[in-house]
Amino acid sequence: MKLHHLRNATLVIETETDVILVDPMLGKRKTIPPFTLFRYKPKRNPLVALPKNSRDILSRVTICLITHLHADHIDKAGEIFLRRKSIPVVCSIKDENALTKRGLNIIQSLSYWEPQDFLGGKITGIPAIHGYGFIAKLMGNVMGFHIELPNQKSIYISSDTIFTEHVQKVLIEFKPDIATVACGTARLDIGQPLLMRMNDILKFAALAPGKVFANHLEALNHCPTTRIELSVALSVHDLLDKVDIPDDGTCVEY
């Protein structure tokens, strides 16, 4: 299994038979307004362009998973790509109507904790809580995915979430071989962080039974945590060997 990190949370999972796109934010730099105006510099998003090899990787995509509807997970360019290519989409049952209205080809919708057949294996929707405190309610519903495919390592796409009992249950009971974690510690101008604070990222990495794939870094103006800061924190806690922190355009093979 190969994991291609394109940018932010946009990920491509490639096996011998399938190429799964996750959360396509495919627009050019500065095509999305700033997510914060005061807490951090009000730069337009994304802060960085897609890597040059993204066109080739995206040309092989056979199916798409969408965790939630925020613009940094599916933007206008991502929608256009999915429509033009008629790529089948899997999402939360709570997002099915909204994505259908956008003209996407929804072939499967999931409820939390109810496994369904998927590409000859199994996929389970996992609850994700997008923020600490009241801000999570403003962020709406989010779904992570636990994926088990034939003759492949299992993978947990935790999506935009803080550390919760749901996350802990997946790591302990499902025992994914690979677990992705959003590490940017995003914050709006109000409220607490929308993603795991560093102490919870470290808890996630320590508890994960296999490799950890860190993303949601250095692409958006409301995500202050850098790859270097994450590396240092992991190193201090002897967790760095367990975690991959890919640059944009990097492929990690498992």
C-alpha atoms as a PDB file:
ATOM      1  CA  MET A   1       0.000   0.000   0.000  1.00  0.00           C
ATOM      2  CA  LYS A   2       1.204   3.468  -0.927  1.00  0.00           C
ATOM      3  CA  LEU A   3       0.029   6.689   0.703  1.00  0.00           C
ATOM      4  CA  HIS A   4       0.519   9.790  -1.428  1.00  0.00           C
ATOM      5  CA  HIS A   5       0.320  12.993   0.602  1.00  0.00           C
ATOM      6  CA  LEU A   6      -0.755  15.798  -1.724  1.00  0.00           C
ATOM      7  CA  ARG A   7      -1.538  18.744   0.571  1.00  0.00           C
ATOM      8  CA  ASN A   8      -3.275  19.371   3.897  1.00  0.00           C
ATOM      9  CA  ALA A   9      -5.702  16.424   4.338  1.00  0.00           C
ATOM     10  CA  THR A  10      -5.760  15.466   0.656  1.00  0.00           C
ATOM     11  CA  LEU A  11      -4.445  11.932   0.506  1.00  0.00           C
ATOM     12  CA  VAL A  12      -4.364   9.155  -2.087  1.00  0.00           C
ATOM     13  CA  ILE A  13      -4.300   5.522  -0.947  1.00  0.00           C
ATOM     14  CA  GLU A  14      -2.969   3.298  -3.724  1.00  0.00           C
ATOM     15  CA  THR A  15      -3.158  -0.493  -3.819  1.00  0.00           C
ATOM     16  CA  GLU A  16      -2.627  -2.920  -6.688  1.00  0.00           C
ATOM     17  CA  THR A  17      -6.318  -2.709  -7.589  1.00  0.00           C
ATOM     18  CA  ASP A  18      -7.674   0.629  -6.302  1.00  0.00           C
ATOM     19  CA  VAL A  19      -6.646   4.266  -5.980  1.00  0.00           C
ATOM     20  CA  ILE A  20      -8.642   5.987  -3.232  1.00  0.00           C
ATOM     21  CA  LEU A  21      -8.718   9.781  -3.032  1.00  0.00           C
ATOM     22  CA  VAL A  22      -9.473  11.285   0.394  1.00  0.00           C
ATOM     23  CA  ASP A  23     -10.753  14.865   0.859  1.00  0.00           C
ATOM     24  CA  PRO A  24      -9.890  16.599  -2.421  1.00  0.00           C
ATOM     25  CA  MET A  25      -8.862  20.220  -1.870  1.00  0.00           C
ATOM     26  CA  LEU A  26      -7.470  20.683  -5.365  1.00  0.00           C
ATOM     27  CA  GLY A  27      -7.686  24.437  -5.986  1.00  0.00           C
ATOM     28  CA  LYS A  28      -4.832  26.783  -6.723  1.00  0.00           C
ATOM     29  CA  ARG A  29      -3.142  28.836  -4.021  1.00  0.00           C
ATOM     30  CA  LYS A  30      -5.204  31.634  -2.463  1.00  0.00           C
ATOM     31  CA  THR A  31      -8.555  30.463  -3.845  1.00  0.00           C
ATOM     32  CA  ILE A  32     -10.204  30.161  -0.384  1.00  0.00           C
ATOM     33  CA  PRO A  33     -10.652  33.094   2.046  1.00  0.00           C
ATOM     34  CA  PRO A  34      -8.681  33.146   5.317  1.00  0.00           C
ATOM     35  CA  PHE A  35     -10.087  30.965   8.089  1.00  0.00           C
ATOM     36  CA  THR A  36      -8.907  33.418  10.739  1.00  0.00           C
ATOM     37  CA  LEU A  37      -8.461  37.179  10.472  1.00  0.00           C
ATOM     38  CA  PHE A  38      -7.077  38.161  13.865  1.00  0.00           C
ATOM     39  CA  ARG A  39      -5.536  35.203  15.703  1.00  0.00           C
ATOM     40  CA  TYR A  40      -3.121  34.520  12.818  1.00  0.00           C
ATOM     41  CA  LYS A  41      -2.206  36.484   9.691  1.00  0.00           C
ATOM     42  CA  PRO A  42      -5.236  36.675   7.349  1.00  0.00           C
ATOM     43  CA  LYS A  43      -3.615  34.917   4.392  1.00  0.00           C
ATOM     44  CA  ARG A  44      -5.781  33.361   1.708  1.00  0.00           C
ATOM     45  CA  ASN A  45      -5.821  29.567   1.456  1.00  0.00           C
ATOM     46  CA  PRO A  46      -4.346  27.212   0.518  1.00  0.00           C
ATOM     47  CA  LEU A  47      -0.988  28.708   1.432  1.00  0.00           C
ATOM     48  CA  VAL A  48       0.857  26.349  -0.912  1.00  0.00           C
ATOM     49  CA  ALA A  49       0.260  24.963  -4.389  1.00  0.00           C
ATOM     50  CA  LEU A  50      -0.417  21.326  -5.125  1.00  0.00           C
ATOM     51  CA  PRO A  51       2.798  19.389  -5.784  1.00  0.00           C
ATOM     52  CA  LYS A  52       3.811  18.957  -9.420  1.00  0.00           C
ATOM     53  CA  ASN A  53       3.245  15.193  -9.343  1.00  0.00           C
ATOM     54  CA  SER A  54      -0.383  15.548  -8.200  1.00  0.00           C
ATOM     55  CA  ARG A  55      -1.780  15.526 -11.755  1.00  0.00           C
ATOM     56  CA  ASP A  56      -0.299  12.101 -12.446  1.00  0.00           C
ATOM     57  CA  ILE A  57      -1.453  10.705  -9.090  1.00  0.00           C
ATOM     58  CA  LEU A  58      -4.983  12.090  -9.489  1.00  0.00           C
ATOM     59  CA  SER A  59      -5.267  10.656 -13.008  1.00  0.00           C
ATOM     60  CA  ARG A  60      -5.295   7.159 -11.495  1.00  0.00           C
ATOM     61  CA  VAL A  61      -8.025   7.762  -8.894  1.00  0.00           C
ATOM     62  CA  THR A  62     -10.877   5.212  -8.951  1.00  0.00           C
ATOM     63  CA  ILE A  63     -12.975   6.234  -5.920  1.00  0.00           C
ATOM     64  CA  CYS A  64     -13.180   9.076  -3.384  1.00  0.00           C
ATOM     65  CA  LEU A  65     -13.858   9.320   0.361  1.00  0.00           C
ATOM     66  CA  ILE A  66     -15.112  12.605   1.823  1.00  0.00           C
ATOM     67  CA  THR A  67     -14.923  13.063   5.596  1.00  0.00           C
ATOM     68  CA  HIS A  68     -16.876  16.352   5.807  1.00  0.00           C
ATOM     69  CA  LEU A  69     -17.884  19.407   3.817  1.00  0.00           C
ATOM     70  CA  HIS A  70     -15.411  22.101   4.894  1.00  0.00           C
ATOM     71  CA  ALA A  71     -13.651  23.857   2.028  1.00  0.00           C
ATOM     72  CA  ASP A  72     -10.223  22.599   3.087  1.00  0.00           C
ATOM     73  CA  HIS A  73     -11.470  19.031   2.536  1.00  0.00           C
ATOM     74  CA  ILE A  74     -13.552  19.461  -0.589  1.00  0.00           C
ATOM     75  CA  ASP A  75     -13.292  22.735  -2.484  1.00  0.00           C
ATOM     76  CA  LYS A  76     -14.786  23.864  -5.792  1.00  0.00           C
ATOM     77  CA  ALA A  77     -11.874  22.447  -7.762  1.00  0.00           C
ATOM     78  CA  GLY A  78     -12.274  19.134  -5.966  1.00  0.00           C
ATOM     79  CA  GLU A  79     -15.974  19.037  -6.840  1.00  0.00           C
ATOM     80  CA  ILE A  80     -15.253  19.815 -10.488  1.00  0.00           C
ATOM     81  CA  PHE A  81     -12.630  17.072 -10.623  1.00  0.00           C
ATOM     82  CA  LEU A  82     -15.027  14.493  -9.181  1.00  0.00           C
ATOM     83  CA  ARG A  83     -17.856  15.513 -11.518  1.00  0.00           C
ATOM     84  CA  ARG A  84     -15.754  15.615 -14.690  1.00  0.00           C
ATOM     85  CA  LYS A  85     -14.216  12.234 -14.006  1.00  0.00           C
ATOM     86  CA  SER A  86     -17.522  10.762 -12.729  1.00  0.00           C
ATOM     87  CA  ILE A  87     -15.608   9.376  -9.773  1.00  0.00           C
ATOM     88  CA  PRO A  88     -17.763   7.413  -7.314  1.00  0.00           C
ATOM     89  CA  VAL A  89     -17.909   8.967  -3.846  1.00  0.00           C
ATOM     90  CA  VAL A  90     -18.346   7.484  -0.366  1.00  0.00           C
ATOM     91  CA  CYS A  91     -19.377   9.782   2.488  1.00  0.00           C
ATOM     92  CA  SER A  92     -21.339  10.117   5.717  1.00  0.00           C
ATOM     93  CA  ILE A  93     -25.070   9.593   5.420  1.00  0.00           C
ATOM     94  CA  LYS A  94     -25.388  13.098   6.902  1.00  0.00           C
ATOM     95  CA  ASP A  95     -23.562  14.606   3.917  1.00  0.00           C
ATOM     96  CA  GLU A  96     -25.169  12.525   1.163  1.00  0.00           C
ATOM     97  CA  ASN A  97     -27.893  14.997   0.211  1.00  0.00           C
ATOM     98  CA  ALA A  98     -25.597  18.013   0.174  1.00  0.00           C
ATOM     99  CA  LEU A  99     -23.017  16.279  -2.016  1.00  0.00           C
ATOM    100  CA  THR A 100     -25.688  14.882  -4.346  1.00  0.00           C
ATOM    101  CA  LYS A 101     -26.984  18.434  -4.852  1.00  0.00           C
ATOM    102  CA  ARG A 102     -23.457  19.423  -5.878  1.00  0.00           C
ATOM    103  CA  GLY A 103     -23.651  16.846  -8.662  1.00  0.00           C
ATOM    104  CA  LEU A 104     -21.398  14.211  -7.155  1.00  0.00           C
ATOM    105  CA  ASN A 105     -21.888  10.491  -7.745  1.00  0.00           C
ATOM    106  CA  ILE A 106     -22.586   9.153  -4.247  1.00  0.00           C
ATOM    107  CA  ILE A 107     -22.457   5.368  -4.414  1.00  0.00           C
ATOM    108  CA  GLN A 108     -22.302   4.638  -0.683  1.00  0.00           C
ATOM    109  CA  SER A 109     -23.137   6.499   2.514  1.00  0.00           C
ATOM    110  CA  LEU A 110     -22.160   5.427   6.003  1.00  0.00           C
ATOM    111  CA  SER A 111     -23.527   5.693   9.508  1.00  0.00           C
ATOM    112  CA  TYR A 112     -21.212   5.666  12.513  1.00  0.00           C
ATOM    113  CA  TRP A 113     -19.977   2.245  13.662  1.00  0.00           C
ATOM    114  CA  GLU A 114     -21.934   0.316  11.000  1.00  0.00           C
ATOM    115  CA  PRO A 115     -19.461  -1.571   8.766  1.00  0.00           C
ATOM    116  CA  GLN A 116     -20.226  -1.936   5.066  1.00  0.00           C
ATOM    117  CA  ASP A 117     -18.668  -3.844   2.198  1.00  0.00           C
ATOM    118  CA  PHE A 118     -16.035  -1.781   0.399  1.00  0.00           C
ATOM    119  CA  LEU A 119     -13.775  -2.767  -2.522  1.00  0.00           C
ATOM    120  CA  GLY A 120     -13.882  -6.424  -1.528  1.00  0.00           C
ATOM    121  CA  GLY A 121     -13.190  -5.573   2.108  1.00  0.00           C
ATOM    122  CA  LYS A 122     -14.874  -3.469   4.780  1.00  0.00           C
ATOM    123  CA  ILE A 123     -15.242   0.199   5.707  1.00  0.00           C
ATOM    124  CA  THR A 124     -16.585   1.580   8.976  1.00  0.00           C
ATOM    125  CA  GLY A 125     -17.586   5.186   9.669  1.00  0.00           C
ATOM    126  CA  ILE A 126     -16.009   6.549  12.858  1.00  0.00           C
ATOM    127  CA  PRO A 127     -17.301   9.577  14.813  1.00  0.00           C
ATOM    128  CA  ALA A 128     -15.007  12.611  14.759  1.00  0.00           C
ATOM    129  CA  ILE A 129     -15.382  15.616  17.070  1.00  0.00           C
ATOM    130  CA  HIS A 130     -14.071  18.714  15.277  1.00  0.00           C
ATOM    131  CA  GLY A 131     -12.887  20.856  18.188  1.00  0.00           C
ATOM    132  CA  TYR A 132     -12.678  21.312  21.948  1.00  0.00           C
ATOM    133  CA  GLY A 133     -15.720  22.766  23.694  1.00  0.00           C
ATOM    134  CA  PHE A 134     -18.567  24.646  22.036  1.00  0.00           C
ATOM    135  CA  ILE A 135     -16.685  25.221  18.768  1.00  0.00           C
ATOM    136  CA  ALA A 136     -17.229  21.556  17.784  1.00  0.00           C
ATOM    137  CA  LYS A 137     -20.974  22.164  17.412  1.00  0.00           C
ATOM    138  CA  LEU A 138     -20.299  24.995  14.974  1.00  0.00           C
ATOM    139  CA  MET A 139     -18.056  22.725  12.891  1.00  0.00           C
ATOM    140  CA  GLY A 140     -20.859  20.257  12.158  1.00  0.00           C
ATOM    141  CA  ASN A 141     -20.629  16.522  11.587  1.00  0.00           C
ATOM    142  CA  VAL A 142     -17.385  14.833  10.606  1.00  0.00           C
ATOM    143  CA  MET A 143     -16.675  11.175   9.859  1.00  0.00           C
ATOM    144  CA  GLY A 144     -13.460   9.223  10.020  1.00  0.00           C
ATOM    145  CA  PHE A 145     -13.024   5.875   8.275  1.00  0.00           C
ATOM    146  CA  HIS A 146     -11.533   2.539   9.258  1.00  0.00           C
ATOM    147  CA  ILE A 147     -10.701   0.575   6.107  1.00  0.00           C
ATOM    148  CA  GLU A 148      -9.808  -3.101   5.787  1.00  0.00           C
ATOM    149  CA  LEU A 149      -8.998  -4.288   2.263  1.00  0.00           C
ATOM    150  CA  PRO A 150      -7.961  -7.788   1.141  1.00  0.00           C
ATOM    151  CA  ASN A 151      -4.235  -8.440   1.490  1.00  0.00           C
ATOM    152  CA  GLN A 152      -3.585  -4.842   2.607  1.00  0.00           C
ATOM    153  CA  LYS A 153      -2.698  -3.156   5.857  1.00  0.00           C
ATOM    154  CA  SER A 154      -5.713  -1.713   7.678  1.00  0.00           C
ATOM    155  CA  ILE A 155      -5.896   2.074   7.814  1.00  0.00           C
ATOM    156  CA  TYR A 156      -7.716   4.538  10.060  1.00  0.00           C
ATOM    157  CA  ILE A 157      -8.467   7.937   8.531  1.00  0.00           C
ATOM    158  CA  SER A 158      -9.208   9.807  11.766  1.00  0.00           C
ATOM    159  CA  SER A 159     -10.075  13.065   9.932  1.00  0.00           C
ATOM    160  CA  ASP A 160     -10.551  16.412  11.696  1.00  0.00           C
ATOM    161  CA  THR A 161     -10.975  15.405  15.312  1.00  0.00           C
ATOM    162  CA  ILE A 162      -9.723  15.908  18.810  1.00  0.00           C
ATOM    163  CA  PHE A 163      -8.747  12.886  20.904  1.00  0.00           C
ATOM    164  CA  THR A 164     -11.980  11.209  22.040  1.00  0.00           C
ATOM    165  CA  GLU A 165     -13.264   7.895  23.339  1.00  0.00           C
ATOM    166  CA  HIS A 166     -14.125   7.059  19.715  1.00  0.00           C
ATOM    167  CA  VAL A 167     -10.534   7.608  18.585  1.00  0.00           C
ATOM    168  CA  GLN A 168      -9.253   5.594  21.524  1.00  0.00           C
ATOM    169  CA  LYS A 169     -11.663   2.744  20.749  1.00  0.00           C
ATOM    170  CA  VAL A 170     -10.424   2.460  17.171  1.00  0.00           C
ATOM    171  CA  LEU A 171      -6.762   2.494  18.156  1.00  0.00           C
ATOM    172  CA  ILE A 172      -7.214  -0.081  20.932  1.00  0.00           C
ATOM    173  CA  GLU A 173      -9.946  -2.381  19.588  1.00  0.00           C
ATOM    174  CA  PHE A 174      -9.587  -2.129  15.788  1.00  0.00           C
ATOM    175  CA  LYS A 175      -5.778  -2.014  15.949  1.00  0.00           C
ATOM    176  CA  PRO A 176      -5.163  -0.278  12.594  1.00  0.00           C
ATOM    177  CA  ASP A 177      -1.809  -0.920  10.938  1.00  0.00           C
ATOM    178  CA  ILE A 178      -1.738   2.734   9.813  1.00  0.00           C
ATOM    179  CA  ALA A 179      -3.468   5.669  11.513  1.00  0.00           C
ATOM    180  CA  THR A 180      -3.649   9.167  10.046  1.00  0.00           C
ATOM    181  CA  VAL A 181      -3.881  12.177  12.355  1.00  0.00           C
ATOM    182  CA  ALA A 182      -4.556  15.853  11.610  1.00  0.00           C
ATOM    183  CA  CYS A 183      -1.777  17.763  13.368  1.00  0.00           C
ATOM    184  CA  GLY A 184      -2.167  21.447  12.467  1.00  0.00           C
ATOM    185  CA  THR A 185      -3.855  22.459  15.762  1.00  0.00           C
ATOM    186  CA  ALA A 186      -6.230  24.670  13.753  1.00  0.00           C
ATOM    187  CA  ARG A 187      -7.947  27.584  15.524  1.00  0.00           C
ATOM    188  CA  LEU A 188     -10.490  30.158  14.481  1.00  0.00           C
ATOM    189  CA  ASP A 189     -10.665  33.681  15.913  1.00  0.00           C
ATOM    190  CA  ILE A 190     -12.992  32.345  18.609  1.00  0.00           C
ATOM    191  CA  GLY A 191     -12.945  29.199  20.669  1.00  0.00           C
ATOM    192  CA  GLN A 192     -10.456  26.470  21.423  1.00  0.00           C
ATOM    193  CA  PRO A 193      -8.508  24.448  18.811  1.00  0.00           C
ATOM    194  CA  LEU A 194     -10.405  22.524  16.142  1.00  0.00           C
ATOM    195  CA  LEU A 195      -7.847  19.707  16.034  1.00  0.00           C
ATOM    196  CA  MET A 196      -5.756  17.833  18.581  1.00  0.00           C
ATOM    197  CA  ARG A 197      -3.427  19.847  20.773  1.00  0.00           C
ATOM    198  CA  MET A 198       0.137  18.564  20.874  1.00  0.00           C
ATOM    199  CA  ASN A 199      -0.412  16.541  24.063  1.00  0.00           C
ATOM    200  CA  ASP A 200      -3.265  14.680  22.369  1.00  0.00           C
ATOM    201  CA  ILE A 201      -1.259  14.131  19.182  1.00  0.00           C
ATOM    202  CA  LEU A 202       1.422  12.541  21.368  1.00  0.00           C
ATOM    203  CA  LYS A 203      -1.216  10.419  23.116  1.00  0.00           C
ATOM    204  CA  PHE A 204      -2.558   9.314  19.713  1.00  0.00           C
ATOM    205  CA  ALA A 205       0.920   8.380  18.489  1.00  0.00           C
ATOM    206  CA  ALA A 206       1.760   6.497  21.686  1.00  0.00           C
ATOM    207  CA  LEU A 207      -1.490   4.532  21.631  1.00  0.00           C
ATOM    208  CA  ALA A 208      -1.466   3.684  17.913  1.00  0.00           C
ATOM    209  CA  PRO A 209      -0.501   0.035  17.465  1.00  0.00           C
ATOM    210  CA  GLY A 210       1.217   0.608  14.117  1.00  0.00           C
ATOM    211  CA  LYS A 211       2.538   3.484  12.028  1.00  0.00           C
ATOM    212  CA  VAL A 212       1.131   7.005  12.247  1.00  0.00           C
ATOM    213  CA  PHE A 213       0.755   9.272   9.210  1.00  0.00           C
ATOM    214  CA  ALA A 214       0.662  12.977  10.134  1.00  0.00           C
ATOM    215  CA  ASN A 215      -1.099  15.481   7.871  1.00  0.00           C
ATOM    216  CA  HIS A 216      -3.114  18.754   7.899  1.00  0.00           C
ATOM    217  CA  LEU A 217       0.120  20.756   8.251  1.00  0.00           C
ATOM    218  CA  GLU A 218       1.481  24.009   6.788  1.00  0.00           C
ATOM    219  CA  ALA A 219      -1.243  24.522   4.185  1.00  0.00           C
ATOM    220  CA  LEU A 220      -3.837  26.739   5.890  1.00  0.00           C
ATOM    221  CA  ASN A 221      -3.626  30.075   7.660  1.00  0.00           C
ATOM    222  CA  HIS A 222      -5.345  28.851  10.833  1.00  0.00           C
ATOM    223  CA  CYS A 223      -2.999  25.886  11.406  1.00  0.00           C
ATOM    224  CA  PRO A 224       0.078  27.141  13.305  1.00  0.00           C
ATOM    225  CA  THR A 225       1.841  23.842  14.046  1.00  0.00           C
ATOM    226  CA  THR A 226       4.770  23.152  11.722  1.00  0.00           C
ATOM    227  CA  ARG A 227       6.374  19.905  10.686  1.00  0.00           C
ATOM    228  CA  ILE A 228       9.516  20.856  12.588  1.00  0.00           C
ATOM    229  CA  GLU A 229       7.590  21.584  15.797  1.00  0.00           C
ATOM    230  CA  LEU A 230       5.789  18.261  15.485  1.00  0.00           C
ATOM    231  CA  SER A 231       9.064  16.417  14.849  1.00  0.00           C
ATOM    232  CA  VAL A 232      10.697  17.961  17.894  1.00  0.00           C
ATOM    233  CA  ALA A 233       7.792  17.093  20.185  1.00  0.00           C
ATOM    234  CA  LEU A 234       7.687  13.515  18.921  1.00  0.00           C
ATOM    235  CA  SER A 235      11.438  13.168  19.285  1.00  0.00           C
ATOM    236  CA  VAL A 236      11.373  14.386  22.894  1.00  0.00           C
ATOM    237  CA  HIS A 237       8.844  11.651  23.691  1.00  0.00           C
ATOM    238  CA  ASP A 238      10.683   8.939  21.705  1.00  0.00           C
ATOM    239  CA  LEU A 239       7.837   8.647  19.197  1.00  0.00           C
ATOM    240  CA  LEU A 240       9.435  10.024  16.049  1.00  0.00           C
ATOM    241  CA  ASP A 241      10.366   6.602  14.620  1.00  0.00           C
ATOM    242  CA  LYS A 242       6.702   5.644  14.754  1.00  0.00           C
ATOM    243  CA  VAL A 243       5.382   8.678  12.844  1.00  0.00           C
ATOM    244  CA  ASP A 244       5.723   9.683   9.189  1.00  0.00           C
ATOM    245  CA  ILE A 245       5.480  13.442   8.531  1.00  0.00           C
ATOM    246  CA  PRO A 246       5.440  13.603   4.733  1.00  0.00           C
ATOM    247  CA  ASP A 247       6.170  16.673   2.651  1.00  0.00           C
ATOM    248  CA  ASP A 248       3.622  17.573  -0.008  1.00  0.00           C
ATOM    249  CA  GLY A 249       3.980  15.256  -2.994  1.00  0.00           C
ATOM    250  CA  THR A 250       5.676  12.532  -0.946  1.00  0.00           C
ATOM    251  CA  CYS A 251       4.759   8.850  -1.205  1.00  0.00           C
ATOM    252  CA  VAL A 252       5.090   6.598   1.858  1.00  0.00           C
ATOM    253  CA  GLU A 253       4.975   2.857   1.235  1.00  0.00           C
ATOM    254  CA  TYR A 254       3.683   0.465   3.897  1.00  0.00           C
END
